[in-house]
Amino acid sequence: VERDGRQEPFHTEKSNGNLNIYVGDRDITLNPGFYTYRITYTAMGQLGFFDDFDEIYWNVNGFGWNFRVEKIGASAHIPKPAVFDSFACYTG
């Protein structure tokens, strides 16, 4: 986890089938403003294999944030031999 390009303390907890990531030091309150966070992780079990197609299903940022998220970005690294006949992305 990084905040504005510097390592940031964090810990994780599992709850109700979700992995929650807690970022920052609970004893430090940030000044109001804009911050850029980078959270890098590996996600397992995101592939679905069906008769007519295979699928990557990934909820990138989860739900229920109690603050405004200005912009979300994500990247997925797919092995070189993979071939795509078509692809689509959805939001909402």
Protein backbone atom coordinates (compact mmCIF):
# COMPACT_ATOMS: atom_id res chain seq x y z
CA VAL A 1 0.00 0.00 0.00
CA GLU A 2 1.28 3.46 -0.90
CA ARG A 3 -0.03 6.96 -0.19
CA ASP A 4 1.32 9.63 -2.52
CA GLY A 5 4.15 7.33 -3.59
CA ARG A 6 5.34 6.34 -0.08
CA GLN A 7 4.73 3.11 1.78
CA GLU A 8 1.74 3.29 4.10
CA PRO A 9 1.02 0.94 7.03
CA PHE A 10 -1.96 -1.38 6.58
CA HIS A 11 -3.54 -4.56 7.87
CA THR A 12 -6.25 -6.88 6.61
CA GLU A 13 -9.21 -8.62 8.26
CA LYS A 14 -11.73 -11.11 6.90
CA SER A 15 -15.37 -10.44 7.69
CA ASN A 16 -18.55 -11.96 6.21
CA GLY A 17 -16.63 -13.44 3.28
CA ASN A 18 -14.91 -10.15 2.48
CA LEU A 19 -11.28 -9.15 2.86
CA ASN A 20 -11.13 -5.66 4.37
CA ILE A 21 -7.96 -3.60 3.95
CA TYR A 22 -7.33 -1.00 6.65
CA VAL A 23 -4.89 1.65 5.46
CA GLY A 24 -2.94 4.11 7.58
CA ASP A 25 -2.03 4.56 11.22
CA ARG A 26 -5.07 4.82 13.49
CA ASP A 27 -3.20 7.32 15.68
CA ILE A 28 -2.66 9.77 12.80
CA THR A 29 -5.44 11.93 11.35
CA LEU A 30 -4.73 13.24 7.85
CA ASN A 31 -5.40 16.86 6.97
CA PRO A 32 -8.37 17.38 4.65
CA GLY A 33 -7.26 17.15 1.02
CA PHE A 34 -6.66 14.84 -1.89
CA TYR A 35 -4.43 11.79 -1.59
CA THR A 36 -3.41 9.16 -4.11
CA TYR A 37 -3.34 5.58 -2.88
CA ARG A 38 -1.95 2.54 -4.67
CA ILE A 39 -3.02 -0.86 -3.39
CA THR A 40 -1.36 -3.80 -5.12
CA TYR A 41 -2.66 -7.31 -4.57
CA THR A 42 -3.19 -10.69 -6.18
CA ALA A 43 -6.78 -11.91 -6.53
CA MET A 44 -7.54 -15.61 -6.65
CA GLY A 45 -10.74 -17.24 -7.93
CA GLN A 46 -11.68 -14.48 -10.38
CA LEU A 47 -11.95 -16.82 -13.37
CA GLY A 48 -15.19 -18.49 -14.44
CA PHE A 49 -15.16 -21.32 -16.97
CA PHE A 50 -18.41 -21.87 -18.86
CA ASP A 51 -19.46 -23.98 -21.88
CA ASP A 52 -19.52 -21.02 -24.31
CA PHE A 53 -16.99 -18.64 -22.77
CA ASP A 54 -14.54 -17.99 -19.98
CA GLU A 55 -14.87 -14.93 -17.77
CA ILE A 56 -12.82 -12.70 -15.50
CA TYR A 57 -15.21 -11.38 -12.85
CA TRP A 58 -13.53 -8.83 -10.60
CA ASN A 59 -15.18 -6.21 -8.38
CA VAL A 60 -12.22 -3.84 -8.37
CA ASN A 61 -13.12 -1.44 -5.58
CA GLY A 62 -15.95 -3.05 -3.60
CA PHE A 63 -18.98 -1.22 -2.21
CA GLY A 64 -20.01 1.01 0.66
CA TRP A 65 -17.25 3.62 0.83
CA ASN A 66 -18.10 6.39 3.29
CA PHE A 67 -16.06 8.94 1.36
CA ARG A 68 -15.95 10.19 -2.22
CA VAL A 69 -13.68 8.28 -4.58
CA GLU A 70 -12.54 10.64 -7.34
CA LYS A 71 -11.04 8.06 -9.68
CA ILE A 72 -10.44 4.29 -9.70
CA GLY A 73 -7.92 2.53 -11.90
CA ALA A 74 -7.12 -1.15 -12.29
CA SER A 75 -4.90 -3.34 -14.40
CA ALA A 76 -4.89 -7.07 -14.97
CA HIS A 77 -1.86 -8.94 -16.22
CA ILE A 78 -2.92 -11.78 -18.51
CA PRO A 79 -0.43 -14.44 -19.66
CA LYS A 80 0.92 -13.80 -23.16
CA PRO A 81 -0.59 -16.94 -24.82
CA ALA A 82 -4.16 -15.80 -23.94
CA VAL A 83 -6.38 -14.96 -26.94
CA PHE A 84 -9.54 -12.85 -26.71
CA ASP A 85 -12.40 -13.23 -29.21
CA SER A 86 -14.24 -10.39 -27.50
CA PHE A 87 -14.26 -8.50 -24.21
CA ALA A 88 -16.51 -6.15 -22.26
CA CYS A 89 -16.27 -4.14 -19.04
CA TYR A 90 -19.17 -3.05 -16.84
CA THR A 91 -19.71 -0.59 -14.04
CA GLY A 92 -22.57 0.20 -11.70
